[in-house]
Each structure stands twice: as structure tokens, then as C-alpha cells.
């Protein structure tokens, strides 16, 4: 794989928060946002507005809750967290169209984008 192919693949598999917001405006209803964070309730106080919660450790058992005709956008905690990548890999292996939200909920919060309490 060349450096250009690597970057093309990375861009194809990810959304920045602003890319996501623009995509949702242009393609209303075309994606499902999924919070894949594993954490006890006292640590997960909020989620991105409109996201459904399917923790990574439950994803394989709950995969049928996700539509195959929409882009599945997954997110986790931050850039250091790899749950989004693990979820993406599982979903891609099962035939889903997937993108990872870069920076997770931390980047979302820094940009002051909409969240909802859990």
C-alpha cells in the first residue's frame, strides 16, 4: 500500500465532527450514530445527541439492531481510545458501511456540539 492509498483509506473510513455534521445536513437519515464506549454509568454521563448506545462488548450480540442500508458511524472516548476501530472492523467484516468519528466524544465536546445526558 502506498502512502497515498493509506491516506485515501483513512479518509474513506473516518469522519471528523464537522464532516459528520455536514454529511447529516446533506444526507438526512443516511446514517446511524453509535456510541460504542464500554463504561459504568457513573463515567458515561452524556452521549452525542441522537446516538444509540451499543457498548463494544455487546456489539456482536446486538449487531442486528443496526441497518445495513445506512452508514454506521461509531465513536468512543478520544483519540487514544481504539474501541471505535474495533467496532469498525467488526462491522466491516459483517458487511456494514462504517465510518469512525475521529476524536470521539472528547473532540465533539471541545467543538461544543450537541450532547444529551444519560
N, C-alpha and C. Protein backbone atom coordinates (compact mmCIF):
# COMPACT_ATOMS: atom_id res chain seq x y z
N UNK A 1 0.85 -1.17 0.00
CA UNK A 1 0.00 0.00 0.00
C UNK A 1 0.90 1.24 0.00
N UNK A 2 0.58 2.16 -0.88
CA UNK A 2 1.35 3.40 -0.94
C UNK A 2 0.86 4.37 0.15
N UNK A 3 1.60 5.42 0.36
CA UNK A 3 1.21 6.44 1.33
C UNK A 3 -0.11 7.10 0.91
N UNK A 4 -0.26 7.31 -0.38
CA UNK A 4 -1.50 7.92 -0.88
C UNK A 4 -2.68 6.99 -0.64
N UNK A 5 -2.51 5.70 -0.92
CA UNK A 5 -3.60 4.74 -0.68
C UNK A 5 -3.96 4.67 0.80
N UNK A 6 -2.94 4.70 1.65
CA UNK A 6 -3.19 4.69 3.09
C UNK A 6 -4.07 5.87 3.49
N UNK A 7 -3.70 7.06 3.03
CA UNK A 7 -4.47 8.26 3.39
C UNK A 7 -5.87 8.23 2.77
N UNK A 8 -5.99 7.74 1.56
CA UNK A 8 -7.31 7.62 0.94
C UNK A 8 -8.20 6.67 1.76
N UNK A 9 -7.64 5.54 2.19
CA UNK A 9 -8.39 4.60 3.00
C UNK A 9 -8.79 5.21 4.34
N UNK A 10 -7.86 5.92 4.97
CA UNK A 10 -8.15 6.56 6.25
C UNK A 10 -9.30 7.57 6.10
N UNK A 11 -9.25 8.38 5.08
CA UNK A 11 -10.31 9.36 4.85
C UNK A 11 -11.65 8.69 4.53
N UNK A 12 -11.60 7.57 3.83
CA UNK A 12 -12.82 6.85 3.48
C UNK A 12 -13.48 6.22 4.71
N UNK A 13 -12.70 5.92 5.73
CA UNK A 13 -13.19 5.21 6.91
C UNK A 13 -13.46 6.10 8.11
N UNK A 14 -13.28 7.41 7.95
CA UNK A 14 -13.43 8.31 9.09
C UNK A 14 -14.24 9.55 8.74
N UNK A 15 -14.79 10.15 9.78
CA UNK A 15 -15.43 11.46 9.72
C UNK A 15 -14.81 12.31 10.82
N UNK A 16 -14.49 13.54 10.53
CA UNK A 16 -14.23 14.50 11.60
C UNK A 16 -15.60 14.92 12.11
N UNK A 17 -15.69 15.53 13.30
CA UNK A 17 -17.00 16.00 13.74
C UNK A 17 -17.68 16.92 12.72
N UNK A 18 -16.94 17.81 12.09
CA UNK A 18 -17.54 18.71 11.11
C UNK A 18 -17.95 17.97 9.83
N UNK A 19 -17.13 16.99 9.41
CA UNK A 19 -17.52 16.16 8.26
C UNK A 19 -18.85 15.47 8.55
N UNK A 20 -18.98 14.94 9.75
CA UNK A 20 -20.21 14.26 10.15
C UNK A 20 -21.40 15.22 10.11
N UNK A 21 -21.25 16.39 10.72
CA UNK A 21 -22.34 17.37 10.75
C UNK A 21 -22.76 17.76 9.34
N UNK A 22 -21.79 17.98 8.46
CA UNK A 22 -22.10 18.34 7.07
C UNK A 22 -22.80 17.18 6.34
N UNK A 23 -22.32 15.96 6.57
CA UNK A 23 -22.93 14.79 5.93
C UNK A 23 -24.39 14.64 6.36
N UNK A 24 -24.65 14.80 7.65
CA UNK A 24 -26.01 14.68 8.17
C UNK A 24 -26.92 15.75 7.57
N UNK A 25 -26.40 16.95 7.38
CA UNK A 25 -27.20 18.02 6.75
C UNK A 25 -27.53 17.68 5.30
N UNK A 26 -26.54 17.15 4.58
CA UNK A 26 -26.72 16.86 3.16
C UNK A 26 -27.48 15.55 2.92
N UNK A 27 -27.30 14.57 3.80
CA UNK A 27 -27.86 13.23 3.61
C UNK A 27 -28.73 12.86 4.81
N UNK A 28 -29.74 13.62 5.06
CA UNK A 28 -30.59 13.41 6.23
C UNK A 28 -31.10 11.96 6.30
N UNK A 29 -30.87 11.32 7.42
CA UNK A 29 -31.34 9.95 7.62
C UNK A 29 -30.47 8.88 7.01
N UNK A 30 -29.32 9.25 6.46
CA UNK A 30 -28.48 8.28 5.76
C UNK A 30 -27.52 7.54 6.68
N UNK A 31 -27.45 7.93 7.96
CA UNK A 31 -26.50 7.26 8.85
C UNK A 31 -27.09 7.07 10.24
N UNK A 32 -26.45 6.18 10.97
CA UNK A 32 -26.81 5.90 12.36
C UNK A 32 -25.54 6.10 13.18
N UNK A 33 -25.64 6.93 14.20
CA UNK A 33 -24.51 7.22 15.08
C UNK A 33 -24.57 6.29 16.28
N UNK A 34 -23.45 5.60 16.55
CA UNK A 34 -23.42 4.59 17.60
C UNK A 34 -22.29 4.87 18.59
N UNK A 35 -22.67 4.99 19.86
CA UNK A 35 -21.73 5.15 20.96
C UNK A 35 -21.31 3.75 21.39
N UNK A 36 -20.04 3.39 21.17
CA UNK A 36 -19.56 2.04 21.48
C UNK A 36 -18.72 2.01 22.76
N UNK A 37 -18.76 3.07 23.55
CA UNK A 37 -17.93 3.11 24.76
C UNK A 37 -18.40 2.07 25.78
N UNK A 38 -17.43 1.38 26.35
CA UNK A 38 -17.67 0.48 27.48
C UNK A 38 -17.34 1.27 28.74
N UNK A 39 -18.32 1.47 29.59
CA UNK A 39 -18.05 2.18 30.84
C UNK A 39 -19.24 2.05 31.78
N UNK A 40 -18.98 2.09 33.07
CA UNK A 40 -20.10 2.11 34.02
C UNK A 40 -20.83 3.44 33.93
N UNK A 41 -22.09 3.46 34.33
CA UNK A 41 -22.92 4.68 34.21
C UNK A 41 -22.31 5.93 34.85
N UNK A 42 -21.59 5.77 35.97
CA UNK A 42 -21.06 6.96 36.63
C UNK A 42 -19.94 7.63 35.81
N UNK A 43 -19.38 6.94 34.82
CA UNK A 43 -18.36 7.54 33.96
C UNK A 43 -18.94 8.08 32.66
N UNK A 44 -20.02 7.47 32.20
CA UNK A 44 -20.69 7.89 30.97
C UNK A 44 -21.86 8.78 31.33
N UNK A 45 -21.62 10.06 31.42
CA UNK A 45 -22.65 10.99 31.85
C UNK A 45 -23.44 11.58 30.68
N UNK A 46 -22.88 11.48 29.48
CA UNK A 46 -23.54 12.05 28.31
C UNK A 46 -23.15 11.27 27.07
N UNK A 47 -23.91 11.50 26.02
CA UNK A 47 -23.60 10.92 24.71
C UNK A 47 -23.89 11.99 23.66
N UNK A 48 -23.41 11.77 22.46
CA UNK A 48 -23.69 12.68 21.37
C UNK A 48 -25.19 12.61 21.08
N UNK A 49 -25.78 13.77 20.88
CA UNK A 49 -27.22 13.85 20.65
C UNK A 49 -27.63 12.96 19.48
N UNK A 50 -28.62 12.11 19.74
CA UNK A 50 -29.15 11.24 18.71
C UNK A 50 -28.45 9.90 18.57
N UNK A 51 -27.34 9.71 19.26
CA UNK A 51 -26.61 8.44 19.16
C UNK A 51 -27.35 7.34 19.89
N UNK A 52 -27.21 6.13 19.37
CA UNK A 52 -27.70 4.98 20.11
C UNK A 52 -26.51 4.36 20.84
N UNK A 53 -26.78 3.73 21.95
CA UNK A 53 -25.71 3.13 22.74
C UNK A 53 -25.68 1.63 22.53
N UNK A 54 -24.56 1.16 22.00
CA UNK A 54 -24.29 -0.27 21.92
C UNK A 54 -22.82 -0.43 22.31
N UNK A 55 -22.55 -0.68 23.60
CA UNK A 55 -21.16 -0.83 24.03
C UNK A 55 -20.44 -1.90 23.21
N UNK A 56 -19.17 -1.69 22.99
CA UNK A 56 -18.38 -2.60 22.17
C UNK A 56 -18.53 -4.05 22.63
N UNK A 57 -18.53 -4.30 23.92
CA UNK A 57 -18.63 -5.68 24.40
C UNK A 57 -19.99 -6.31 24.11
N UNK A 58 -20.99 -5.52 23.70
CA UNK A 58 -22.31 -6.04 23.35
C UNK A 58 -22.56 -6.03 21.84
N UNK A 59 -21.67 -5.43 21.08
CA UNK A 59 -21.92 -5.18 19.66
C UNK A 59 -22.20 -6.46 18.87
N UNK A 60 -21.41 -7.47 19.07
CA UNK A 60 -21.61 -8.72 18.30
C UNK A 60 -23.01 -9.29 18.55
N UNK A 61 -23.47 -9.25 19.80
CA UNK A 61 -24.79 -9.80 20.13
C UNK A 61 -25.94 -8.90 19.69
N UNK A 62 -25.67 -7.62 19.50
CA UNK A 62 -26.74 -6.66 19.16
C UNK A 62 -26.63 -6.12 17.74
N UNK A 63 -25.76 -6.71 16.95
CA UNK A 63 -25.48 -6.19 15.61
C UNK A 63 -26.73 -6.09 14.74
N UNK A 64 -27.71 -6.95 14.96
CA UNK A 64 -28.93 -6.94 14.16
C UNK A 64 -29.78 -5.69 14.40
N UNK A 65 -29.46 -4.92 15.43
CA UNK A 65 -30.17 -3.67 15.68
C UNK A 65 -29.76 -2.57 14.70
N UNK A 66 -28.68 -2.82 13.96
CA UNK A 66 -28.16 -1.81 13.04
C UNK A 66 -28.58 -2.12 11.60
N UNK A 67 -29.05 -1.10 10.88
CA UNK A 67 -29.48 -1.31 9.49
C UNK A 67 -28.27 -1.41 8.55
N UNK A 68 -28.37 -2.29 7.59
CA UNK A 68 -27.28 -2.43 6.62
C UNK A 68 -27.39 -1.44 5.47
N UNK A 69 -28.51 -0.72 5.39
CA UNK A 69 -28.70 0.22 4.29
C UNK A 69 -28.32 1.65 4.65
N UNK A 70 -27.66 1.83 5.79
CA UNK A 70 -27.21 3.16 6.21
C UNK A 70 -25.75 3.11 6.61
N UNK A 71 -25.10 4.26 6.60
CA UNK A 71 -23.73 4.35 7.08
C UNK A 71 -23.77 4.31 8.60
N UNK A 72 -22.99 3.42 9.19
CA UNK A 72 -22.90 3.32 10.64
C UNK A 72 -21.67 4.13 11.06
N UNK A 73 -21.89 5.13 11.89
CA UNK A 73 -20.80 5.99 12.38
C UNK A 73 -20.61 5.66 13.85
N UNK A 74 -19.43 5.17 14.19
CA UNK A 74 -19.14 4.77 15.57
C UNK A 74 -18.20 5.78 16.23
N UNK A 75 -18.35 5.89 17.55
CA UNK A 75 -17.41 6.73 18.29
C UNK A 75 -17.14 6.15 19.66
N UNK A 76 -15.98 6.54 20.20
CA UNK A 76 -15.61 6.13 21.55
C UNK A 76 -15.20 7.37 22.35
N UNK A 77 -14.19 7.26 23.19
CA UNK A 77 -13.84 8.34 24.11
C UNK A 77 -13.02 9.47 23.49
N UNK A 78 -11.90 9.13 22.85
CA UNK A 78 -10.90 10.13 22.48
C UNK A 78 -9.99 9.54 21.41
N UNK A 79 -8.96 10.27 21.04
CA UNK A 79 -8.02 9.77 20.04
C UNK A 79 -7.21 8.59 20.56
N UNK A 80 -7.03 8.47 21.87
CA UNK A 80 -6.27 7.36 22.45
C UNK A 80 -7.09 6.08 22.57
N UNK A 81 -8.37 6.17 22.37
CA UNK A 81 -9.27 5.02 22.52
C UNK A 81 -9.37 4.27 21.19
N UNK A 82 -9.31 2.94 21.24
CA UNK A 82 -9.41 2.18 19.99
C UNK A 82 -10.70 1.37 19.87
N UNK A 83 -11.68 1.63 20.75
CA UNK A 83 -12.95 0.91 20.65
C UNK A 83 -13.67 1.21 19.34
N UNK A 84 -13.56 2.43 18.84
CA UNK A 84 -14.18 2.77 17.56
C UNK A 84 -13.58 1.97 16.42
N UNK A 85 -12.28 1.79 16.45
CA UNK A 85 -11.63 0.99 15.40
C UNK A 85 -12.02 -0.48 15.51
N UNK A 86 -12.09 -1.00 16.73
CA UNK A 86 -12.51 -2.39 16.92
C UNK A 86 -13.94 -2.59 16.45
N UNK A 87 -14.82 -1.65 16.77
CA UNK A 87 -16.21 -1.72 16.32
C UNK A 87 -16.28 -1.63 14.80
N UNK A 88 -15.51 -0.72 14.22
CA UNK A 88 -15.49 -0.57 12.76
C UNK A 88 -15.07 -1.86 12.08
N UNK A 89 -14.02 -2.48 12.59
CA UNK A 89 -13.54 -3.73 12.00
C UNK A 89 -14.62 -4.81 12.05
N UNK A 90 -15.24 -4.99 13.19
CA UNK A 90 -16.30 -5.98 13.33
C UNK A 90 -17.44 -5.71 12.34
N UNK A 91 -17.87 -4.46 12.27
CA UNK A 91 -18.98 -4.11 11.38
C UNK A 91 -18.61 -4.27 9.91
N UNK A 92 -17.40 -3.88 9.55
CA UNK A 92 -16.95 -4.08 8.16
C UNK A 92 -16.93 -5.56 7.81
N UNK A 93 -16.46 -6.40 8.73
CA UNK A 93 -16.42 -7.85 8.50
C UNK A 93 -17.82 -8.42 8.31
N UNK A 94 -18.82 -7.76 8.89
CA UNK A 94 -20.20 -8.22 8.78
C UNK A 94 -20.96 -7.54 7.64
N UNK A 95 -20.25 -6.77 6.80
CA UNK A 95 -20.85 -6.20 5.61
C UNK A 95 -21.49 -4.83 5.75
N UNK A 96 -21.21 -4.14 6.85
CA UNK A 96 -21.75 -2.80 7.06
C UNK A 96 -20.86 -1.74 6.43
N UNK A 97 -21.45 -0.61 6.07
CA UNK A 97 -20.72 0.57 5.63
C UNK A 97 -20.45 1.39 6.88
N UNK A 98 -19.20 1.55 7.25
CA UNK A 98 -18.83 2.12 8.55
C UNK A 98 -17.84 3.26 8.42
N UNK A 99 -18.00 4.24 9.30
CA UNK A 99 -17.02 5.30 9.48
C UNK A 99 -16.83 5.51 10.98
N UNK A 100 -15.61 5.86 11.37
CA UNK A 100 -15.32 6.18 12.76
C UNK A 100 -15.28 7.69 12.92
N UNK A 101 -15.92 8.19 13.96
CA UNK A 101 -15.89 9.61 14.27
C UNK A 101 -14.57 9.91 14.98
N UNK A 102 -13.70 10.65 14.30
CA UNK A 102 -12.38 10.94 14.85
C UNK A 102 -12.46 11.79 16.12
N UNK A 103 -11.66 11.44 17.09
CA UNK A 103 -11.59 12.21 18.32
C UNK A 103 -12.65 11.85 19.33
N UNK A 104 -13.61 11.01 18.93
CA UNK A 104 -14.65 10.57 19.84
C UNK A 104 -15.45 11.70 20.47
N UNK A 105 -16.04 11.39 21.61
CA UNK A 105 -16.87 12.39 22.28
C UNK A 105 -16.03 13.55 22.80
N UNK A 106 -14.74 13.33 23.05
CA UNK A 106 -13.88 14.42 23.53
C UNK A 106 -13.79 15.52 22.48
N UNK A 107 -13.55 15.16 21.22
CA UNK A 107 -13.47 16.16 20.16
C UNK A 107 -14.82 16.84 19.98
N UNK A 108 -15.89 16.06 20.07
CA UNK A 108 -17.25 16.58 19.94
C UNK A 108 -17.50 17.66 20.99
N UNK A 109 -17.11 17.36 22.23
CA UNK A 109 -17.31 18.31 23.33
C UNK A 109 -16.44 19.55 23.18
N UNK A 110 -15.23 19.40 22.71
CA UNK A 110 -14.35 20.56 22.50
C UNK A 110 -14.99 21.52 21.51
N UNK A 111 -15.67 20.97 20.51
CA UNK A 111 -16.30 21.81 19.50
C UNK A 111 -17.68 22.31 19.95
N UNK A 112 -18.09 21.92 21.16
CA UNK A 112 -19.37 22.34 21.73
C UNK A 112 -20.55 21.96 20.85
N UNK A 113 -20.51 20.74 20.32
CA UNK A 113 -21.60 20.22 19.51
C UNK A 113 -22.62 19.55 20.44
N UNK A 114 -23.84 19.30 19.97
CA UNK A 114 -24.92 18.86 20.85
C UNK A 114 -24.70 17.47 21.48
N UNK A 115 -24.95 17.42 22.78
CA UNK A 115 -24.91 16.18 23.55
C UNK A 115 -26.22 16.06 24.33
N UNK A 116 -26.45 14.88 24.86
CA UNK A 116 -27.61 14.68 25.73
C UNK A 116 -27.17 13.88 26.95
N UNK A 117 -27.79 14.15 28.06
CA UNK A 117 -27.47 13.47 29.31
C UNK A 117 -27.94 12.03 29.27
N UNK A 118 -27.22 11.19 29.98
CA UNK A 118 -27.62 9.77 30.11
C UNK A 118 -28.28 9.56 31.46
